[in-house]
C-alpha atoms as a PDB file:
ATOM      1  CA  UNK A   1      29.317  19.743   7.939  1.00  0.00           C
ATOM      2  CA  UNK A   2      30.437  16.039   7.434  1.00  0.00           C
ATOM      3  CA  UNK A   3      27.949  14.118   5.608  1.00  0.00           C
ATOM      4  CA  UNK A   4      26.908  10.920   7.176  1.00  0.00           C
ATOM      5  CA  UNK A   5      26.010   7.849   4.779  1.00  0.00           C
ATOM      6  CA  UNK A   6      24.536   4.589   5.338  1.00  0.00           C
ATOM      7  CA  UNK A   7      27.083   3.044   3.224  1.00  0.00           C
ATOM      8  CA  UNK A   8      29.391   3.202   0.904  1.00  0.00           C
ATOM      9  CA  UNK A   9      27.751   3.294  -2.430  1.00  0.00           C
ATOM     10  CA  UNK A  10      25.897   6.508  -3.488  1.00  0.00           C
ATOM     11  CA  UNK A  11      22.271   5.422  -3.534  1.00  0.00           C
ATOM     12  CA  UNK A  12      22.869   6.168   0.464  1.00  0.00           C
ATOM     13  CA  UNK A  13      23.346   9.895  -0.313  1.00  0.00           C
ATOM     14  CA  UNK A  14      19.604  10.505  -2.259  1.00  0.00           C
ATOM     15  CA  UNK A  15      16.637   9.515  -1.505  1.00  0.00           C
ATOM     16  CA  UNK A  16      14.597   6.991  -3.617  1.00  0.00           C
ATOM     17  CA  UNK A  17      11.957   9.461  -4.642  1.00  0.00           C
ATOM     18  CA  UNK A  18      15.291  10.206  -7.039  1.00  0.00           C
ATOM     19  CA  UNK A  19      14.617   7.814  -9.690  1.00  0.00           C
ATOM     20  CA  UNK A  20      18.499   6.914 -10.486  1.00  0.00           C
ATOM     21  CA  UNK A  21      18.598   6.454  -6.220  1.00  0.00           C
ATOM     22  CA  UNK A  22      15.444   4.067  -6.631  1.00  0.00           C
ATOM     23  CA  UNK A  23      17.409   2.012  -9.861  1.00  0.00           C
ATOM     24  CA  UNK A  24      20.335   1.939  -7.443  1.00  0.00           C
ATOM     25  CA  UNK A  25      18.664   0.647  -4.574  1.00  0.00           C
ATOM     26  CA  UNK A  26      17.192  -2.271  -6.650  1.00  0.00           C
ATOM     27  CA  UNK A  27      20.339  -3.425  -8.525  1.00  0.00           C
ATOM     28  CA  UNK A  28      21.798  -3.446  -4.389  1.00  0.00           C
ATOM     29  CA  UNK A  29      18.955  -5.518  -3.736  1.00  0.00           C
ATOM     30  CA  UNK A  30      19.909  -7.959  -6.642  1.00  0.00           C
ATOM     31  CA  UNK A  31      23.295  -7.945  -5.240  1.00  0.00           C
ATOM     32  CA  UNK A  32      22.730  -8.296  -0.946  1.00  0.00           C
ATOM     33  CA  UNK A  33      19.240  -8.421  -0.244  1.00  0.00           C
ATOM     34  CA  UNK A  34      19.491  -8.249   3.445  1.00  0.00           C
ATOM     35  CA  UNK A  35      21.633  -4.691   2.785  1.00  0.00           C
ATOM     36  CA  UNK A  36      19.233  -3.721   0.364  1.00  0.00           C
ATOM     37  CA  UNK A  37      16.314  -4.532   2.847  1.00  0.00           C
ATOM     38  CA  UNK A  38      18.263  -2.442   5.446  1.00  0.00           C
ATOM     39  CA  UNK A  39      18.764   0.740   2.774  1.00  0.00           C
ATOM     40  CA  UNK A  40      14.803   0.525   1.843  1.00  0.00           C
ATOM     41  CA  UNK A  41      13.722   0.661   5.183  1.00  0.00           C
ATOM     42  CA  UNK A  42      16.073   3.663   5.907  1.00  0.00           C
ATOM     43  CA  UNK A  43      14.985   5.383   2.777  1.00  0.00           C
ATOM     44  CA  UNK A  44      11.579   5.047   4.125  1.00  0.00           C
ATOM     45  CA  UNK A  45      12.176   6.973   7.341  1.00  0.00           C
ATOM     46  CA  UNK A  46      14.666   9.828   5.090  1.00  0.00           C
ATOM     47  CA  UNK A  47      11.570  10.214   2.913  1.00  0.00           C
ATOM     48  CA  UNK A  48       9.124  11.212   5.758  1.00  0.00           C
ATOM     49  CA  UNK A  49      11.769  13.565   7.371  1.00  0.00           C
ATOM     50  CA  UNK A  50      12.082  15.420   4.225  1.00  0.00           C
ATOM     51  CA  UNK A  51       8.569  15.946   4.103  1.00  0.00           C
ATOM     52  CA  UNK A  52       8.503  16.990   6.996  1.00  0.00           C
ATOM     53  CA  UNK A  53      11.345  19.618   6.514  1.00  0.00           C
ATOM     54  CA  UNK A  54       9.530  20.822   3.646  1.00  0.00           C
ATOM     55  CA  UNK A  55       6.093  21.381   5.811  1.00  0.00           C
ATOM     56  CA  UNK A  56       8.351  23.509   8.252  1.00  0.00           C
ATOM     57  CA  UNK A  57      10.374  25.214   5.635  1.00  0.00           C
ATOM     58  CA  UNK A  58       6.679  25.839   3.923  1.00  0.00           C
ATOM     59  CA  UNK A  59       5.099  27.299   7.187  1.00  0.00           C
ATOM     60  CA  UNK A  60       7.744  29.780   7.577  1.00  0.00           C
ATOM     61  CA  UNK A  61       7.518  33.530   6.185  1.00  0.00           C
ATOM     62  CA  UNK A  62       9.110  33.994   2.546  1.00  0.00           C
ATOM     63  CA  UNK A  63       9.689  36.561   0.040  1.00  0.00           C
ATOM     64  CA  UNK A  64      12.695  38.111   1.886  1.00  0.00           C
ATOM     65  CA  UNK A  65      15.333  40.053  -0.167  1.00  0.00           C
ATOM     66  CA  UNK A  66      17.610  36.888  -0.297  1.00  0.00           C
ATOM     67  CA  UNK A  67      15.122  34.636  -1.699  1.00  0.00           C
ATOM     68  CA  UNK A  68      15.243  32.728  -4.604  1.00  0.00           C
ATOM     69  CA  UNK A  69      14.270  30.262  -7.157  1.00  0.00           C
ATOM     70  CA  UNK A  70      18.146  29.243  -6.763  1.00  0.00           C
ATOM     71  CA  UNK A  71      18.753  29.533  -2.749  1.00  0.00           C
ATOM     72  CA  UNK A  72      15.600  27.339  -2.499  1.00  0.00           C
ATOM     73  CA  UNK A  73      16.945  24.636  -4.842  1.00  0.00           C
ATOM     74  CA  UNK A  74      20.292  24.520  -2.520  1.00  0.00           C
ATOM     75  CA  UNK A  75      17.911  24.345   0.447  1.00  0.00           C
ATOM     76  CA  UNK A  76      15.896  21.576  -0.930  1.00  0.00           C
ATOM     77  CA  UNK A  77      18.975  19.731  -1.522  1.00  0.00           C
ATOM     78  CA  UNK A  78      20.208  20.575   1.915  1.00  0.00           C
ATOM     79  CA  UNK A  79      17.130  19.032   3.812  1.00  0.00           C
ATOM     80  CA  UNK A  80      17.276  16.040   1.666  1.00  0.00           C
ATOM     81  CA  UNK A  81      20.772  15.283   2.987  1.00  0.00           C
ATOM     82  CA  UNK A  82      19.492  16.387   6.795  1.00  0.00           C
ATOM     83  CA  UNK A  83      16.810  14.183   6.327  1.00  0.00           C
ATOM     84  CA  UNK A  84      19.129  11.258   5.220  1.00  0.00           C
ATOM     85  CA  UNK A  85      21.378  11.967   8.279  1.00  0.00           C
ATOM     86  CA  UNK A  86      18.471  12.264  11.070  1.00  0.00           C
ATOM     87  CA  UNK A  87      17.157   8.979   9.504  1.00  0.00           C
ATOM     88  CA  UNK A  88      20.423   7.863  10.528  1.00  0.00           C
ATOM     89  CA  UNK A  89      21.355   9.587  13.780  1.00  0.00           C
ATOM     90  CA  UNK A  90      17.716   9.612  15.462  1.00  0.00           C
ATOM     91  CA  UNK A  91      15.584   6.429  13.909  1.00  0.00           C
ATOM     92  CA  UNK A  92      12.188   6.884  14.846  1.00  0.00           C
ATOM     93  CA  UNK A  93      12.129   2.948  14.719  1.00  0.00           C
ATOM     94  CA  UNK A  94       9.941   2.693  11.302  1.00  0.00           C
ATOM     95  CA  UNK A  95      13.104   1.114   9.465  1.00  0.00           C
ATOM     96  CA  UNK A  96      13.503  -1.294  11.847  1.00  0.00           C
ATOM     97  CA  UNK A  97       9.669  -2.449  11.741  1.00  0.00           C
ATOM     98  CA  UNK A  98      10.205  -2.751   7.767  1.00  0.00           C
ATOM     99  CA  UNK A  99      13.235  -4.770   8.142  1.00  0.00           C
ATOM    100  CA  UNK A 100      12.023  -6.887  10.432  1.00  0.00           C
ATOM    101  CA  UNK A 101       8.727  -7.926   8.425  1.00  0.00           C
ATOM    102  CA  UNK A 102      10.778  -8.537   5.454  1.00  0.00           C
ATOM    103  CA  UNK A 103      12.962 -10.232   7.383  1.00  0.00           C
ATOM    104  CA  UNK A 104      10.193 -12.818   8.397  1.00  0.00           C
ATOM    105  CA  UNK A 105       9.152 -13.181   4.977  1.00  0.00           C
ATOM    106  CA  UNK A 106      12.841 -14.135   3.925  1.00  0.00           C
ATOM    107  CA  UNK A 107      12.619 -17.148   6.876  1.00  0.00           C
ATOM    108  CA  UNK A 108       9.164 -18.441   5.425  1.00  0.00           C
ATOM    109  CA  UNK A 109       9.332 -18.167   2.082  1.00  0.00           C
ATOM    110  CA  UNK A 110      12.998 -17.808   0.813  1.00  0.00           C
ATOM    111  CA  UNK A 111      15.510 -14.699  -0.154  1.00  0.00           C
ATOM    112  CA  UNK A 112      14.181 -14.485  -3.584  1.00  0.00           C
ATOM    113  CA  UNK A 113      10.374 -14.054  -2.338  1.00  0.00           C
ATOM    114  CA  UNK A 114      11.977 -11.139  -0.065  1.00  0.00           C
ATOM    115  CA  UNK A 115      14.070  -9.515  -2.456  1.00  0.00           C
ATOM    116  CA  UNK A 116      10.683  -9.417  -4.957  1.00  0.00           C
ATOM    117  CA  UNK A 117       8.665  -7.930  -1.855  1.00  0.00           C
ATOM    118  CA  UNK A 118      11.253  -5.409  -1.058  1.00  0.00           C
ATOM    119  CA  UNK A 119      11.466  -4.207  -4.336  1.00  0.00           C
ATOM    120  CA  UNK A 120       7.490  -3.775  -4.974  1.00  0.00           C
ATOM    121  CA  UNK A 121       7.672  -1.888  -1.490  1.00  0.00           C
ATOM    122  CA  UNK A 122      10.051   0.518  -2.841  1.00  0.00           C
ATOM    123  CA  UNK A 123       8.042   1.164  -5.976  1.00  0.00           C
ATOM    124  CA  UNK A 124       5.037   1.364  -3.268  1.00  0.00           C
ATOM    125  CA  UNK A 125       6.569   3.942  -1.570  1.00  0.00           C
ATOM    126  CA  UNK A 126       8.079   6.237  -4.443  1.00  0.00           C
ATOM    127  CA  UNK A 127       4.818   6.654  -5.833  1.00  0.00           C
ATOM    128  CA  UNK A 128       3.161   6.991  -2.095  1.00  0.00           C
ATOM    129  CA  UNK A 129       5.421   9.433  -1.120  1.00  0.00           C
ATOM    130  CA  UNK A 130       5.612  11.661  -4.143  1.00  0.00           C
ATOM    131  CA  UNK A 131       1.898  12.345  -3.887  1.00  0.00           C
ATOM    132  CA  UNK A 132       2.209  12.683   0.055  1.00  0.00           C
ATOM    133  CA  UNK A 133       1.601  16.455   0.886  1.00  0.00           C
ATOM    134  CA  UNK A 134       4.072  17.882   3.622  1.00  0.00           C
ATOM    135  CA  UNK A 135       1.336  18.177   6.050  1.00  0.00           C
ATOM    136  CA  UNK A 136       0.135  14.402   5.815  1.00  0.00           C
ATOM    137  CA  UNK A 137       3.609  13.564   6.555  1.00  0.00           C
ATOM    138  CA  UNK A 138       4.018  15.906   9.126  1.00  0.00           C
ATOM    139  CA  UNK A 139       0.507  14.642  11.139  1.00  0.00           C
ATOM    140  CA  UNK A 140       2.037  10.839  10.026  1.00  0.00           C
ATOM    141  CA  UNK A 141       5.459  11.711  11.750  1.00  0.00           C
ATOM    142  CA  UNK A 142       3.143  13.556  14.856  1.00  0.00           C
ATOM    143  CA  UNK A 143       1.873   9.933  15.147  1.00  0.00           C
ATOM    144  CA  UNK A 144       5.096   7.670  15.564  1.00  0.00           C
ATOM    145  CA  UNK A 145       4.066   5.915  18.708  1.00  0.00           C
ATOM    146  CA  UNK A 146       1.512   4.301  16.880  1.00  0.00           C
ATOM    147  CA  UNK A 147       4.658   3.188  14.076  1.00  0.00           C
ATOM    148  CA  UNK A 148       2.981  -0.157  13.786  1.00  0.00           C
ATOM    149  CA  UNK A 149      -0.600   1.355  12.223  1.00  0.00           C
ATOM    150  CA  UNK A 150       1.425   3.935  10.431  1.00  0.00           C
ATOM    151  CA  UNK A 151       3.575   1.420   8.513  1.00  0.00           C
ATOM    152  CA  UNK A 152       0.083  -0.172   7.269  1.00  0.00           C
ATOM    153  CA  UNK A 153      -1.136   2.857   6.294  1.00  0.00           C
ATOM    154  CA  UNK A 154       1.391   4.505   4.425  1.00  0.00           C
ATOM    155  CA  UNK A 155       2.522   1.299   2.557  1.00  0.00           C
ATOM    156  CA  UNK A 156      -1.135   0.691   2.222  1.00  0.00           C
ATOM    157  CA  UNK A 157      -1.143   2.318  -1.044  1.00  0.00           C
ATOM    158  CA  UNK A 158       0.251  -0.705  -2.232  1.00  0.00           C
ATOM    159  CA  UNK A 159      -0.653  -3.003   0.495  1.00  0.00           C
ATOM    160  CA  UNK A 160      -3.354  -4.774  -2.217  1.00  0.00           C
ATOM    161  CA  UNK A 161      -1.046  -4.674  -5.478  1.00  0.00           C
ATOM    162  CA  UNK A 162       2.150  -6.203  -2.535  1.00  0.00           C
ATOM    163  CA  UNK A 163      -0.386  -8.583  -1.931  1.00  0.00           C
ATOM    164  CA  UNK A 164      -0.765  -9.582  -5.807  1.00  0.00           C
ATOM    165  CA  UNK A 165       2.811  -9.422  -6.449  1.00  0.00           C
ATOM    166  CA  UNK A 166       3.286 -12.259  -4.016  1.00  0.00           C
ATOM    167  CA  UNK A 167       0.735 -14.529  -5.905  1.00  0.00           C
ATOM    168  CA  UNK A 168      -0.192 -13.503  -9.112  1.00  0.00           C
ATOM    169  CA  UNK A 169      -3.256 -15.722  -9.410  1.00  0.00           C
ATOM    170  CA  UNK A 170      -4.749 -13.870  -6.586  1.00  0.00           C
ATOM    171  CA  UNK A 171      -5.954 -10.807  -8.050  1.00  0.00           C
ATOM    172  CA  UNK A 172      -7.632 -13.310 -10.723  1.00  0.00           C
ATOM    173  CA  UNK A 173      -9.258 -15.728  -8.060  1.00  0.00           C
ATOM    174  CA  UNK A 174     -10.430 -12.893  -6.107  1.00  0.00           C
ATOM    175  CA  UNK A 175     -12.283 -11.339  -9.039  1.00  0.00           C
ATOM    176  CA  UNK A 176     -13.781 -14.817 -10.417  1.00  0.00           C
ATOM    177  CA  UNK A 177     -15.273 -14.851  -6.477  1.00  0.00           C
ATOM    178  CA  UNK A 178     -16.837 -11.215  -6.358  1.00  0.00           C
ATOM    179  CA  UNK A 179     -17.370 -10.195 -10.530  1.00  0.00           C
ATOM    180  CA  UNK A 180     -21.099 -11.836 -10.285  1.00  0.00           C
ATOM    181  CA  UNK A 181     -21.952  -9.908  -7.160  1.00  0.00           C
ATOM    182  CA  UNK A 182     -20.394  -6.875  -8.469  1.00  0.00           C
ATOM    183  CA  UNK A 183     -22.100  -6.211 -11.351  1.00  0.00           C
ATOM    184  CA  UNK A 184     -25.590  -7.059  -9.421  1.00  0.00           C
ATOM    185  CA  UNK A 185     -24.361  -4.166  -7.089  1.00  0.00           C
ATOM    186  CA  UNK A 186     -23.397  -2.020 -10.236  1.00  0.00           C
ATOM    187  CA  UNK A 187     -27.143  -2.579 -11.498  1.00  0.00           C
ATOM    188  CA  UNK A 188     -28.309  -1.019  -8.130  1.00  0.00           C
ATOM    189  CA  UNK A 189     -25.720   1.718  -7.639  1.00  0.00           C
ATOM    190  CA  UNK A 190     -25.265   2.763 -11.123  1.00  0.00           C
ATOM    191  CA  UNK A 191     -21.056   2.886 -10.707  1.00  0.00           C
ATOM    192  CA  UNK A 192     -19.192   0.200 -13.291  1.00  0.00           C
ATOM    193  CA  UNK A 193     -18.432  -3.047 -11.827  1.00  0.00           C
ATOM    194  CA  UNK A 194     -14.719  -2.920 -11.836  1.00  0.00           C
ATOM    195  CA  UNK A 195     -14.966   0.139  -9.828  1.00  0.00           C
ATOM    196  CA  UNK A 196     -16.762  -1.768  -6.735  1.00  0.00           C
ATOM    197  CA  UNK A 197     -14.331  -4.783  -7.665  1.00  0.00           C
ATOM    198  CA  UNK A 198     -11.442  -2.328  -7.137  1.00  0.00           C
ATOM    199  CA  UNK A 199     -12.994  -0.855  -4.132  1.00  0.00           C
ATOM    200  CA  UNK A 200     -13.049  -4.425  -2.563  1.00  0.00           C
ATOM    201  CA  UNK A 201      -9.870  -5.058  -3.321  1.00  0.00           C
ATOM    202  CA  UNK A 202      -8.067  -2.357  -1.439  1.00  0.00           C
ATOM    203  CA  UNK A 203     -10.166  -2.959   1.958  1.00  0.00           C
ATOM    204  CA  UNK A 204      -9.414  -6.746   1.357  1.00  0.00           C
ATOM    205  CA  UNK A 205      -5.980  -7.005  -0.294  1.00  0.00           C
ATOM    206  CA  UNK A 206      -7.529  -8.745  -2.904  1.00  0.00           C
ATOM    207  CA  UNK A 207      -9.087 -11.721  -0.982  1.00  0.00           C
ATOM    208  CA  UNK A 208      -6.138 -11.669   1.236  1.00  0.00           C
ATOM    209  CA  UNK A 209      -6.378  -9.965   4.358  1.00  0.00           C
ATOM    210  CA  UNK A 210     -10.559 -10.628   4.302  1.00  0.00           C
ATOM    211  CA  UNK A 211     -11.919  -9.952   7.856  1.00  0.00           C
ATOM    212  CA  UNK A 212     -12.515 -13.710   9.925  1.00  0.00           C
ATOM    213  CA  UNK A 213     -14.625 -14.436  12.320  1.00  0.00           C
ATOM    214  CA  UNK A 214     -13.462 -15.781  15.880  1.00  0.00           C
ATOM    215  CA  UNK A 215     -13.378 -19.338  14.630  1.00  0.00           C
ATOM    216  CA  UNK A 216     -11.472 -18.429  11.471  1.00  0.00           C
ATOM    217  CA  UNK A 217     -14.201 -18.593   8.744  1.00  0.00           C
ATOM    218  CA  UNK A 218     -14.694 -15.877   6.917  1.00  0.00           C
ATOM    219  CA  UNK A 219     -16.857 -13.016   7.528  1.00  0.00           C
ATOM    220  CA  UNK A 220     -16.858 -12.150   3.737  1.00  0.00           C
ATOM    221  CA  UNK A 221     -16.855  -8.450   4.574  1.00  0.00           C
ATOM    222  CA  UNK A 222     -14.722  -7.310   1.730  1.00  0.00           C
ATOM    223  CA  UNK A 223     -15.890  -3.388   2.059  1.00  0.00           C
ATOM    224  CA  UNK A 224     -14.728  -3.057   6.028  1.00  0.00           C
ATOM    225  CA  UNK A 225     -17.898  -2.219   6.686  1.00  0.00           C
ATOM    226  CA  UNK A 226     -18.670  -1.183  10.486  1.00  0.00           C
ATOM    227  CA  UNK A 227     -21.666  -2.328  12.522  1.00  0.00           C
ATOM    228  CA  UNK A 228     -23.180   0.765  13.636  1.00  0.00           C
ATOM    229  CA  UNK A 229     -26.562   0.826  16.492  1.00  0.00           C
ATOM    230  CA  UNK A 230     -28.810  -0.472  13.852  1.00  0.00           C
ATOM    231  CA  UNK A 231     -27.105  -3.015  12.781  1.00  0.00           C
ATOM    232  CA  UNK A 232     -28.806  -6.356  13.487  1.00  0.00           C
ATOM    233  CA  UNK A 233     -26.766  -8.846  12.109  1.00  0.00           C
ATOM    234  CA  UNK A 234     -24.142 -11.147  12.687  1.00  0.00           C
ATOM    235  CA  UNK A 235     -20.853  -9.121  13.657  1.00  0.00           C
ATOM    236  CA  UNK A 236     -16.868  -9.502  14.276  1.00  0.00           C
ATOM    237  CA  UNK A 237     -14.785  -7.829  16.406  1.00  0.00           C
ATOM    238  CA  UNK A 238     -10.977  -6.765  14.857  1.00  0.00           C
ATOM    239  CA  UNK A 239      -8.300  -4.161  15.139  1.00  0.00           C
ATOM    240  CA  UNK A 240      -8.063  -1.617  12.399  1.00  0.00           C
ATOM    241  CA  UNK A 241      -6.308   1.226  11.839  1.00  0.00           C
ATOM    242  CA  UNK A 242      -7.969   4.919  11.824  1.00  0.00           C
ATOM    243  CA  UNK A 243      -6.538   8.392  11.458  1.00  0.00           C
ATOM    244  CA  UNK A 244      -7.297  11.135  13.771  1.00  0.00           C
ATOM    245  CA  UNK A 245      -5.924  14.537  12.485  1.00  0.00           C
ATOM    246  CA  UNK A 246      -3.965  12.641  10.291  1.00  0.00           C
ATOM    247  CA  UNK A 247      -2.145  10.343  12.654  1.00  0.00           C
ATOM    248  CA  UNK A 248      -2.575   6.491  12.610  1.00  0.00           C
ATOM    249  CA  UNK A 249      -4.065   4.946  15.593  1.00  0.00           C
ATOM    250  CA  UNK A 250      -4.715   1.157  16.162  1.00  0.00           C
ATOM    251  CA  UNK A 251      -8.312   0.916  18.024  1.00  0.00           C
ATOM    252  CA  UNK A 252     -10.695  -2.540  18.419  1.00  0.00           C
ATOM    253  CA  UNK A 253     -13.849  -2.255  16.019  1.00  0.00           C
ATOM    254  CA  UNK A 254     -16.582  -4.463  15.728  1.00  0.00           C
ATOM    255  CA  UNK A 255     -17.538  -4.929  11.713  1.00  0.00           C
ATOM    256  CA  UNK A 256     -20.355  -6.836   9.903  1.00  0.00           C
ATOM    257  CA  UNK A 257     -20.256 -10.650   8.877  1.00  0.00           C
ATOM    258  CA  UNK A 258     -22.050 -11.927   6.155  1.00  0.00           C
ATOM    259  CA  UNK A 259     -23.195 -15.062   4.615  1.00  0.00           C
ATOM    260  CA  UNK A 260     -21.837 -14.453   1.422  1.00  0.00           C
ATOM    261  CA  UNK A 261     -20.060 -12.417  -1.074  1.00  0.00           C
ATOM    262  CA  UNK A 262     -23.448 -11.840  -2.778  1.00  0.00           C
ATOM    263  CA  UNK A 263     -25.130 -10.648   0.599  1.00  0.00           C
ATOM    264  CA  UNK A 264     -22.127  -8.581   1.302  1.00  0.00           C
ATOM    265  CA  UNK A 265     -22.154  -6.375  -1.988  1.00  0.00           C
ATOM    266  CA  UNK A 266     -26.188  -6.230  -1.454  1.00  0.00           C
ATOM    267  CA  UNK A 267     -25.677  -4.452   1.839  1.00  0.00           C
ATOM    268  CA  UNK A 268     -22.797  -2.293   0.221  1.00  0.00           C
ATOM    269  CA  UNK A 269     -25.174  -1.299  -2.122  1.00  0.00           C
ATOM    270  CA  UNK A 270     -27.677  -0.530  -0.066  1.00  0.00           C
ATOM    271  CA  UNK A 271     -25.370   1.448   1.986  1.00  0.00           C
ATOM    272  CA  UNK A 272     -24.465   3.841  -0.771  1.00  0.00           C
ATOM    273  CA  UNK A 273     -27.973   3.834  -2.012  1.00  0.00           C
ATOM    274  CA  UNK A 274     -29.726   4.791   1.226  1.00  0.00           C
ATOM    275  CA  UNK A 275     -27.147   7.261   2.617  1.00  0.00           C
ATOM    276  CA  UNK A 276     -27.644  10.905   1.285  1.00  0.00           C
ATOM    277  CA  UNK A 277     -23.786  11.464   1.638  1.00  0.00           C
ATOM    278  CA  UNK A 278     -22.829   8.664  -0.872  1.00  0.00           C
ATOM    279  CA  UNK A 279     -25.429  10.846  -3.297  1.00  0.00           C
ATOM    280  CA  UNK A 280     -22.015  11.890  -5.542  1.00  0.00           C
ATOM    281  CA  UNK A 281     -21.129   8.422  -5.539  1.00  0.00           C
ATOM    282  CA  UNK A 282     -24.105   6.342  -6.992  1.00  0.00           C
ATOM    283  CA  UNK A 283     -23.879   6.763 -10.956  1.00  0.00           C
ATOM    284  CA  UNK A 284     -20.472   7.792 -11.175  1.00  0.00           C
ATOM    285  CA  UNK A 285     -18.653   6.680 -14.203  1.00  0.00           C
ATOM    286  CA  UNK A 286     -15.464   8.388 -13.553  1.00  0.00           C
ATOM    287  CA  UNK A 287     -12.863   6.107 -11.255  1.00  0.00           C
ATOM    288  CA  UNK A 288     -10.839   8.919 -10.191  1.00  0.00           C
ATOM    289  CA  UNK A 289     -14.018  11.080  -9.169  1.00  0.00           C
ATOM    290  CA  UNK A 290     -15.974   7.700  -7.696  1.00  0.00           C
ATOM    291  CA  UNK A 291     -12.877   7.348  -5.506  1.00  0.00           C
ATOM    292  CA  UNK A 292     -12.616  11.091  -4.073  1.00  0.00           C
ATOM    293  CA  UNK A 293     -16.390  11.046  -3.692  1.00  0.00           C
ATOM    294  CA  UNK A 294     -16.093   8.197  -1.243  1.00  0.00           C
ATOM    295  CA  UNK A 295     -13.632   9.863   0.668  1.00  0.00           C
ATOM    296  CA  UNK A 296     -15.361  13.040   0.945  1.00  0.00           C
ATOM    297  CA  UNK A 297     -18.680  11.124   2.233  1.00  0.00           C
ATOM    298  CA  UNK A 298     -16.586  10.256   5.038  1.00  0.00           C
ATOM    299  CA  UNK A 299     -16.137   6.234   4.082  1.00  0.00           C
ATOM    300  CA  UNK A 300     -12.712   6.196   5.453  1.00  0.00           C
ATOM    301  CA  UNK A 301     -10.495   8.160   7.640  1.00  0.00           C
ATOM    302  CA  UNK A 302      -7.156   7.684   5.911  1.00  0.00           C
ATOM    303  CA  UNK A 303      -6.142  11.078   4.101  1.00  0.00           C
ATOM    304  CA  UNK A 304      -4.800   9.169   1.296  1.00  0.00           C
ATOM    305  CA  UNK A 305      -7.406   6.703   0.724  1.00  0.00           C
ATOM    306  CA  UNK A 306      -9.197   8.563  -2.743  1.00  0.00           C
ATOM    307  CA  UNK A 307      -5.139   8.190  -4.001  1.00  0.00           C
ATOM    308  CA  UNK A 308      -5.081   4.411  -3.230  1.00  0.00           C
ATOM    309  CA  UNK A 309      -8.268   3.117  -4.612  1.00  0.00           C
ATOM    310  CA  UNK A 310      -7.849   5.229  -7.646  1.00  0.00           C
ATOM    311  CA  UNK A 311      -4.415   3.848  -8.420  1.00  0.00           C
ATOM    312  CA  UNK A 312      -6.022   0.460  -8.021  1.00  0.00           C
ATOM    313  CA  UNK A 313      -8.834   1.386 -10.606  1.00  0.00           C
ATOM    314  CA  UNK A 314      -6.377   2.417 -13.048  1.00  0.00           C
ATOM    315  CA  UNK A 315      -3.819  -0.194 -12.831  1.00  0.00           C
ATOM    316  CA  UNK A 316      -2.435  -3.265 -14.817  1.00  0.00           C
ATOM    317  CA  UNK A 317      -3.519  -5.454 -11.675  1.00  0.00           C
ATOM    318  CA  UNK A 318      -7.136  -5.018 -11.830  1.00  0.00           C
ATOM    319  CA  UNK A 319      -6.990  -4.794 -15.815  1.00  0.00           C
ATOM    320  CA  UNK A 320      -5.178  -8.312 -16.092  1.00  0.00           C
ATOM    321  CA  UNK A 321      -7.389  -9.975 -13.502  1.00  0.00           C
ATOM    322  CA  UNK A 322     -10.360  -8.727 -15.572  1.00  0.00           C
ATOM    323  CA  UNK A 323      -8.884 -10.077 -18.736  1.00  0.00           C
ATOM    324  CA  UNK A 324      -7.982 -13.260 -17.876  1.00  0.00           C
END
C-alpha cells in the first residue's frame, strides 16, 4: 500500500510522540511557521487515532500461534502509518480547529508569538498523549462531535503552562496575588500552600482565565467551585466542559462568586474540610497523591485531571514563580 504523507519532509511519516519527529517539527516551525502549524495540528489527530487503533488491538484476542514480539512491533509501526493516513484522508476537524486558533494568534500577536505558542503546544501534546491511556483516547474520539470541548481538554494538560509561556510574568503575578491566602488555607487543611497555588493555577490558567461576572468583573473563583443548592452566596453562569463516560461535553453551569481571593481560598478550605469524601486530601504532603486524591474524590470529571495537576506541582513554572 502506498504511504500518503502530509509534506515532503520525513517528520510527516512519524508521529510527534517520537522525539526525533518532534525535533523535525520544531525545525519546520522555525523555517515555516504556517506550514509547521499545519503539521502540528495534523500530528495531533494522528496521535489520537494511533491510540484508538491500539485500544482496538488490545481488545482483540491474542496469544495465537503466529503472535510474537516482532509481530507486535511491526503491527505498531503499521498502525502508526495508518493513523497518519487516516488523519490525512478522513480528518475529524480537530486539526483545522488548532490551525485556526494558532492563525488567529499570529494575526493578533505576530508570527514569532504564534510560532512560540505552537512549539509549546507540541511539547504539551507529546507529554499528554504519552501518558494518555488507549481507552481514554477512544472515549475522546467517540465524542468528536464535541470538538471544541475536546480541544480544550486534550491540550489542557498544559493549558496553564501554555498561558504562562505567552506571558512569563503571569505565573509570578498570580502567585503574588494568591500566596498569602494559600498559606491561610494551608494552615486550615494541612496541605502545603504550593499545592493549593498549583490547584488554583490549573483551574484559572494562572489567573488568565478566571471566571468573570456578567459585567466583566472578577468572581475570584480560582478553584472552579460550582454553586450547589446549599450555596446562598453570589453566583455566575458560564460555559464549561465536563466529561461524561470519558467524552468531553460543553454545558452551562453556575459557579460561586466571591468578593476576594481571601474569601475564595477560605471557601475552598472549608469545602475540603467539611466533605467526608475529601478526607484523603487533608494533610496530604505528596503532590502526586494530593492530585490523585482530589480526582478520586470527584473534584473534577476530566480523566486526566490528576496528571495535569501533578505536572504543575512538580513543574518549573511553579518553582520559578515561587522563587521570583
